[in-house]
PDB file of all heavy atoms in Angstrom:
ATOM      1  N   PHE A   1       0.815  -1.215   0.000  1.00  0.00           N
ATOM      2  CA  PHE A   1       0.000   0.000   0.000  1.00  0.00           C
ATOM      3  C   PHE A   1       0.855   1.274   0.000  1.00  0.00           C
ATOM      4  O   PHE A   1       0.366   2.347  -0.331  1.00  0.00           O
ATOM      5  CB  PHE A   1      -0.931   0.006   1.219  1.00  0.00           C
ATOM      6  CG  PHE A   1      -1.900  -1.143   1.214  1.00  0.00           C
ATOM      7  CD1 PHE A   1      -1.646  -2.277   1.978  1.00  0.00           C
ATOM      8  CD2 PHE A   1      -3.027  -1.114   0.429  1.00  0.00           C
ATOM      9  CE1 PHE A   1      -2.526  -3.351   1.970  1.00  0.00           C
ATOM     10  CE2 PHE A   1      -3.916  -2.180   0.411  1.00  0.00           C
ATOM     11  CZ  PHE A   1      -3.663  -3.295   1.184  1.00  0.00           C
ATOM     12  N   LEU A   2       2.118   1.149   0.401  1.00  0.00           N
ATOM     13  CA  LEU A   2       2.995   2.320   0.490  1.00  0.00           C
ATOM     14  C   LEU A   2       3.754   2.617  -0.803  1.00  0.00           C
ATOM     15  O   LEU A   2       4.272   3.721  -0.965  1.00  0.00           O
ATOM     16  CB  LEU A   2       4.011   2.127   1.622  1.00  0.00           C
ATOM     17  CG  LEU A   2       3.453   2.069   3.033  1.00  0.00           C
ATOM     18  CD1 LEU A   2       4.582   1.875   4.040  1.00  0.00           C
ATOM     19  CD2 LEU A   2       2.664   3.314   3.369  1.00  0.00           C
ATOM     20  N   ILE A   3       3.836   1.670  -1.709  1.00  0.00           N
ATOM     21  CA  ILE A   3       4.628   1.855  -2.930  1.00  0.00           C
ATOM     22  C   ILE A   3       4.179   3.078  -3.735  1.00  0.00           C
ATOM     23  O   ILE A   3       5.031   3.862  -4.158  1.00  0.00           O
ATOM     24  CB  ILE A   3       4.650   0.566  -3.781  1.00  0.00           C
ATOM     25  CG1 ILE A   3       5.573  -0.452  -3.106  1.00  0.00           C
ATOM     26  CG2 ILE A   3       5.109   0.836  -5.207  1.00  0.00           C
ATOM     27  CD1 ILE A   3       5.612  -1.810  -3.763  1.00  0.00           C
ATOM     28  N   PRO A   4       2.896   3.311  -3.975  1.00  0.00           N
ATOM     29  CA  PRO A   4       2.526   4.520  -4.732  1.00  0.00           C
ATOM     30  C   PRO A   4       3.021   5.808  -4.078  1.00  0.00           C
ATOM     31  O   PRO A   4       3.491   6.717  -4.760  1.00  0.00           O
ATOM     32  CB  PRO A   4       0.999   4.470  -4.772  1.00  0.00           C
ATOM     33  CG  PRO A   4       0.656   3.037  -4.597  1.00  0.00           C
ATOM     34  CD  PRO A   4       1.712   2.482  -3.689  1.00  0.00           C
ATOM     35  N   GLY A   5       2.954   5.892  -2.769  1.00  0.00           N
ATOM     36  CA  GLY A   5       3.444   7.074  -2.067  1.00  0.00           C
ATOM     37  C   GLY A   5       4.954   7.212  -2.166  1.00  0.00           C
ATOM     38  O   GLY A   5       5.476   8.326  -2.282  1.00  0.00           O
ATOM     39  N   MET A   6       5.665   6.085  -2.128  1.00  0.00           N
ATOM     40  CA  MET A   6       7.122   6.136  -2.265  1.00  0.00           C
ATOM     41  C   MET A   6       7.520   6.598  -3.661  1.00  0.00           C
ATOM     42  O   MET A   6       8.471   7.377  -3.820  1.00  0.00           O
ATOM     43  CB  MET A   6       7.738   4.771  -1.961  1.00  0.00           C
ATOM     44  CG  MET A   6       7.736   4.416  -0.489  1.00  0.00           C
ATOM     45  SD  MET A   6       8.701   2.946  -0.136  1.00  0.00           S
ATOM     46  CE  MET A   6       7.439   1.684  -0.165  1.00  0.00           C
ATOM     47  N   VAL A   7       6.791   6.143  -4.670  1.00  0.00           N
ATOM     48  CA  VAL A   7       7.063   6.586  -6.044  1.00  0.00           C
ATOM     49  C   VAL A   7       6.791   8.077  -6.174  1.00  0.00           C
ATOM     50  O   VAL A   7       7.589   8.824  -6.761  1.00  0.00           O
ATOM     51  CB  VAL A   7       6.223   5.773  -7.062  1.00  0.00           C
ATOM     52  CG1 VAL A   7       6.311   6.374  -8.447  1.00  0.00           C
ATOM     53  CG2 VAL A   7       6.670   4.322  -7.083  1.00  0.00           C
ATOM     54  N   GLN A   8       5.683   8.550  -5.604  1.00  0.00           N
ATOM     55  CA  GLN A   8       5.356   9.978  -5.659  1.00  0.00           C
ATOM     56  C   GLN A   8       6.388  10.812  -4.915  1.00  0.00           C
ATOM     57  O   GLN A   8       6.781  11.893  -5.379  1.00  0.00           O
ATOM     58  CB  GLN A   8       3.954  10.231  -5.084  1.00  0.00           C
ATOM     59  CG  GLN A   8       3.481  11.651  -5.254  1.00  0.00           C
ATOM     60  CD  GLN A   8       3.389  12.060  -6.713  1.00  0.00           C
ATOM     61  OE1 GLN A   8       2.880  11.327  -7.543  1.00  0.00           O
ATOM     62  NE2 GLN A   8       3.907  13.234  -7.033  1.00  0.00           N
ATOM     63  N   SER A   9       6.858  10.329  -3.769  1.00  0.00           N
ATOM     64  CA  SER A   9       7.899  11.049  -3.026  1.00  0.00           C
ATOM     65  C   SER A   9       9.174  11.171  -3.836  1.00  0.00           C
ATOM     66  O   SER A   9       9.839  12.206  -3.814  1.00  0.00           O
ATOM     67  CB  SER A   9       8.207  10.332  -1.705  1.00  0.00           C
ATOM     68  OG  SER A   9       7.116  10.378  -0.853  1.00  0.00           O
ATOM     69  N   SER A  10       9.495  10.100  -4.557  1.00  0.00           N
ATOM     70  CA  SER A  10      10.678  10.116  -5.417  1.00  0.00           C
ATOM     71  C   SER A  10      10.530  11.181  -6.508  1.00  0.00           C
ATOM     72  O   SER A  10      11.464  11.938  -6.791  1.00  0.00           O
ATOM     73  CB  SER A  10      10.878   8.738  -6.036  1.00  0.00           C
ATOM     74  OG  SER A  10      11.886   8.743  -6.998  1.00  0.00           O
ATOM     75  N   LYS A  11       9.336  11.261  -7.106  1.00  0.00           N
ATOM     76  CA  LYS A  11       9.077  12.278  -8.134  1.00  0.00           C
ATOM     77  C   LYS A  11       9.145  13.681  -7.559  1.00  0.00           C
ATOM     78  O   LYS A  11       9.720  14.587  -8.171  1.00  0.00           O
ATOM     79  CB  LYS A  11       7.699  12.057  -8.762  1.00  0.00           C
ATOM     80  CG  LYS A  11       7.600  10.874  -9.675  1.00  0.00           C
ATOM     81  CD  LYS A  11       6.191  10.768 -10.232  1.00  0.00           C
ATOM     82  CE  LYS A  11       6.033   9.566 -11.127  1.00  0.00           C
ATOM     83  NZ  LYS A  11       4.657   9.467 -11.650  1.00  0.00           N
ATOM     84  N   ASP A  12       8.562  13.881  -6.382  1.00  0.00           N
ATOM     85  CA  ASP A  12       8.572  15.203  -5.749  1.00  0.00           C
ATOM     86  C   ASP A  12       9.997  15.648  -5.426  1.00  0.00           C
ATOM     87  O   ASP A  12      10.342  16.808  -5.615  1.00  0.00           O
ATOM     88  CB  ASP A  12       7.722  15.203  -4.477  1.00  0.00           C
ATOM     89  CG  ASP A  12       6.242  15.064  -4.755  1.00  0.00           C
ATOM     90  OD1 ASP A  12       5.822  15.274  -5.924  1.00  0.00           O
ATOM     91  OD2 ASP A  12       5.496  14.729  -3.808  1.00  0.00           O
ATOM     92  N   GLU A  13      10.808  14.721  -4.941  1.00  0.00           N
ATOM     93  CA  GLU A  13      12.199  15.050  -4.621  1.00  0.00           C
ATOM     94  C   GLU A  13      12.976  15.411  -5.882  1.00  0.00           C
ATOM     95  O   GLU A  13      13.745  16.376  -5.896  1.00  0.00           O
ATOM     96  CB  GLU A  13      12.864  13.873  -3.895  1.00  0.00           C
ATOM     97  CG  GLU A  13      14.316  14.099  -3.562  1.00  0.00           C
ATOM     98  CD  GLU A  13      14.558  15.252  -2.600  1.00  0.00           C
ATOM     99  OE1 GLU A  13      13.634  15.641  -1.871  1.00  0.00           O
ATOM    100  OE2 GLU A  13      15.691  15.772  -2.595  1.00  0.00           O
ATOM    101  N   MET A  14      12.762  14.658  -6.948  1.00  0.00           N
ATOM    102  CA  MET A  14      13.435  14.948  -8.210  1.00  0.00           C
ATOM    103  C   MET A  14      12.997  16.325  -8.737  1.00  0.00           C
ATOM    104  O   MET A  14      13.826  17.116  -9.185  1.00  0.00           O
ATOM    105  CB  MET A  14      13.114  13.866  -9.241  1.00  0.00           C
ATOM    106  CG  MET A  14      13.858  14.007 -10.546  1.00  0.00           C
ATOM    107  SD  MET A  14      13.358  12.781 -11.781  1.00  0.00           S
ATOM    108  CE  MET A  14      13.515  11.264 -10.896  1.00  0.00           C
ATOM    109  N   ARG A  15      11.704  16.606  -8.663  1.00  0.00           N
ATOM    110  CA  ARG A  15      11.166  17.892  -9.106  1.00  0.00           C
ATOM    111  C   ARG A  15      11.759  19.035  -8.294  1.00  0.00           C
ATOM    112  O   ARG A  15      12.153  20.061  -8.833  1.00  0.00           O
ATOM    113  CB  ARG A  15       9.644  17.855  -8.963  1.00  0.00           C
ATOM    114  CG  ARG A  15       8.916  18.997  -9.575  1.00  0.00           C
ATOM    115  CD  ARG A  15       7.416  18.818  -9.471  1.00  0.00           C
ATOM    116  NE  ARG A  15       6.930  17.756 -10.345  1.00  0.00           N
ATOM    117  CZ  ARG A  15       6.326  16.650  -9.940  1.00  0.00           C
ATOM    118  NH1 ARG A  15       6.094  16.450  -8.649  1.00  0.00           N
ATOM    119  NH2 ARG A  15       5.914  15.740 -10.789  1.00  0.00           N
ATOM    120  N   ARG A  16      11.864  18.837  -6.989  1.00  0.00           N
ATOM    121  CA  ARG A  16      12.427  19.857  -6.103  1.00  0.00           C
ATOM    122  C   ARG A  16      13.893  20.125  -6.453  1.00  0.00           C
ATOM    123  O   ARG A  16      14.307  21.271  -6.565  1.00  0.00           O
ATOM    124  CB  ARG A  16      12.312  19.426  -4.642  1.00  0.00           C
ATOM    125  CG  ARG A  16      12.775  20.502  -3.664  1.00  0.00           C
ATOM    126  CD  ARG A  16      12.943  19.970  -2.259  1.00  0.00           C
ATOM    127  NE  ARG A  16      14.000  18.978  -2.159  1.00  0.00           N
ATOM    128  CZ  ARG A  16      15.310  19.240  -2.156  1.00  0.00           C
ATOM    129  NH1 ARG A  16      15.731  20.468  -2.273  1.00  0.00           N
ATOM    130  NH2 ARG A  16      16.192  18.264  -2.032  1.00  0.00           N
ATOM    131  N   GLN A  17      14.655  19.059  -6.651  1.00  0.00           N
ATOM    132  CA  GLN A  17      16.076  19.235  -6.977  1.00  0.00           C
ATOM    133  C   GLN A  17      16.266  19.926  -8.322  1.00  0.00           C
ATOM    134  O   GLN A  17      17.132  20.795  -8.466  1.00  0.00           O
ATOM    135  CB  GLN A  17      16.784  17.882  -6.975  1.00  0.00           C
ATOM    136  CG  GLN A  17      16.998  17.319  -5.597  1.00  0.00           C
ATOM    137  CD  GLN A  17      17.659  15.959  -5.626  1.00  0.00           C
ATOM    138  OE1 GLN A  17      17.810  15.341  -6.678  1.00  0.00           O
ATOM    139  NE2 GLN A  17      18.052  15.479  -4.455  1.00  0.00           N
ATOM    140  N   LEU A  18      15.467  19.544  -9.300  1.00  0.00           N
ATOM    141  CA  LEU A  18      15.588  20.166 -10.614  1.00  0.00           C
ATOM    142  C   LEU A  18      15.220  21.642 -10.567  1.00  0.00           C
ATOM    143  O   LEU A  18      15.886  22.476 -11.182  1.00  0.00           O
ATOM    144  CB  LEU A  18      14.731  19.427 -11.638  1.00  0.00           C
ATOM    145  CG  LEU A  18      15.218  18.033 -12.030  1.00  0.00           C
ATOM    146  CD1 LEU A  18      14.170  17.329 -12.866  1.00  0.00           C
ATOM    147  CD2 LEU A  18      16.537  18.106 -12.764  1.00  0.00           C
ATOM    148  N   ALA A  19      14.172  21.975  -9.842  1.00  0.00           N
ATOM    149  CA  ALA A  19      13.751  23.375  -9.742  1.00  0.00           C
ATOM    150  C   ALA A  19      14.774  24.194  -8.973  1.00  0.00           C
ATOM    151  O   ALA A  19      15.053  25.343  -9.324  1.00  0.00           O
ATOM    152  CB  ALA A  19      12.383  23.469  -9.075  1.00  0.00           C
ATOM    153  N   GLN A  20      15.351  23.606  -7.949  1.00  0.00           N
ATOM    154  CA  GLN A  20      16.320  24.323  -7.119  1.00  0.00           C
ATOM    155  C   GLN A  20      17.629  24.535  -7.857  1.00  0.00           C
ATOM    156  O   GLN A  20      18.194  25.609  -7.818  1.00  0.00           O
ATOM    157  CB  GLN A  20      16.562  23.544  -5.835  1.00  0.00           C
ATOM    158  CG  GLN A  20      17.405  24.273  -4.824  1.00  0.00           C
ATOM    159  CD  GLN A  20      17.530  23.475  -3.540  1.00  0.00           C
ATOM    160  OE1 GLN A  20      17.553  22.248  -3.571  1.00  0.00           O
ATOM    161  NE2 GLN A  20      17.578  24.165  -2.414  1.00  0.00           N
ATOM    162  N   ASN A  21      18.101  23.500  -8.540  1.00  0.00           N
ATOM    163  CA  ASN A  21      19.387  23.574  -9.218  1.00  0.00           C
ATOM    164  C   ASN A  21      19.285  24.186 -10.601  1.00  0.00           C
ATOM    165  O   ASN A  21      20.303  24.540 -11.182  1.00  0.00           O
ATOM    166  CB  ASN A  21      20.020  22.197  -9.333  1.00  0.00           C
ATOM    167  CG  ASN A  21      20.311  21.596  -7.976  1.00  0.00           C
ATOM    168  OD1 ASN A  21      20.496  22.298  -7.004  1.00  0.00           O
ATOM    169  ND2 ASN A  21      20.336  20.286  -7.908  1.00  0.00           N
ATOM    170  N   GLY A  22      18.093  24.254 -11.123  1.00  0.00           N
ATOM    171  CA  GLY A  22      17.931  24.760 -12.473  1.00  0.00           C
ATOM    172  C   GLY A  22      18.513  23.819 -13.509  1.00  0.00           C
ATOM    173  O   GLY A  22      18.770  24.205 -14.628  1.00  0.00           O
ATOM    174  N   ALA A  23      18.750  22.574 -13.101  1.00  0.00           N
ATOM    175  CA  ALA A  23      19.345  21.576 -13.993  1.00  0.00           C
ATOM    176  C   ALA A  23      18.255  20.934 -14.810  1.00  0.00           C
ATOM    177  O   ALA A  23      17.657  19.958 -14.420  1.00  0.00           O
ATOM    178  CB  ALA A  23      20.096  20.520 -13.194  1.00  0.00           C
ATOM    179  N   VAL A  24      17.982  21.534 -15.939  1.00  0.00           N
ATOM    180  CA  VAL A  24      16.931  21.011 -16.816  1.00  0.00           C
ATOM    181  C   VAL A  24      17.560  20.486 -18.014  1.00  0.00           C
ATOM    182  O   VAL A  24      17.992  19.837 -18.616  1.00  0.00           O
ATOM    183  CB  VAL A  24      15.925  22.097 -17.216  1.00  0.00           C
ATOM    184  CG1 VAL A  24      14.823  21.536 -18.068  1.00  0.00           C
ATOM    185  CG2 VAL A  24      15.389  22.783 -16.002  1.00  0.00           C
TER     186      VAL A  24
END
């Protein structure tokens, strides 16, 4: 039951890092 949330957390972290670093 936790796997979907873990996948979403992974996406959110990646999105945060990309937005912060400007590494697009």
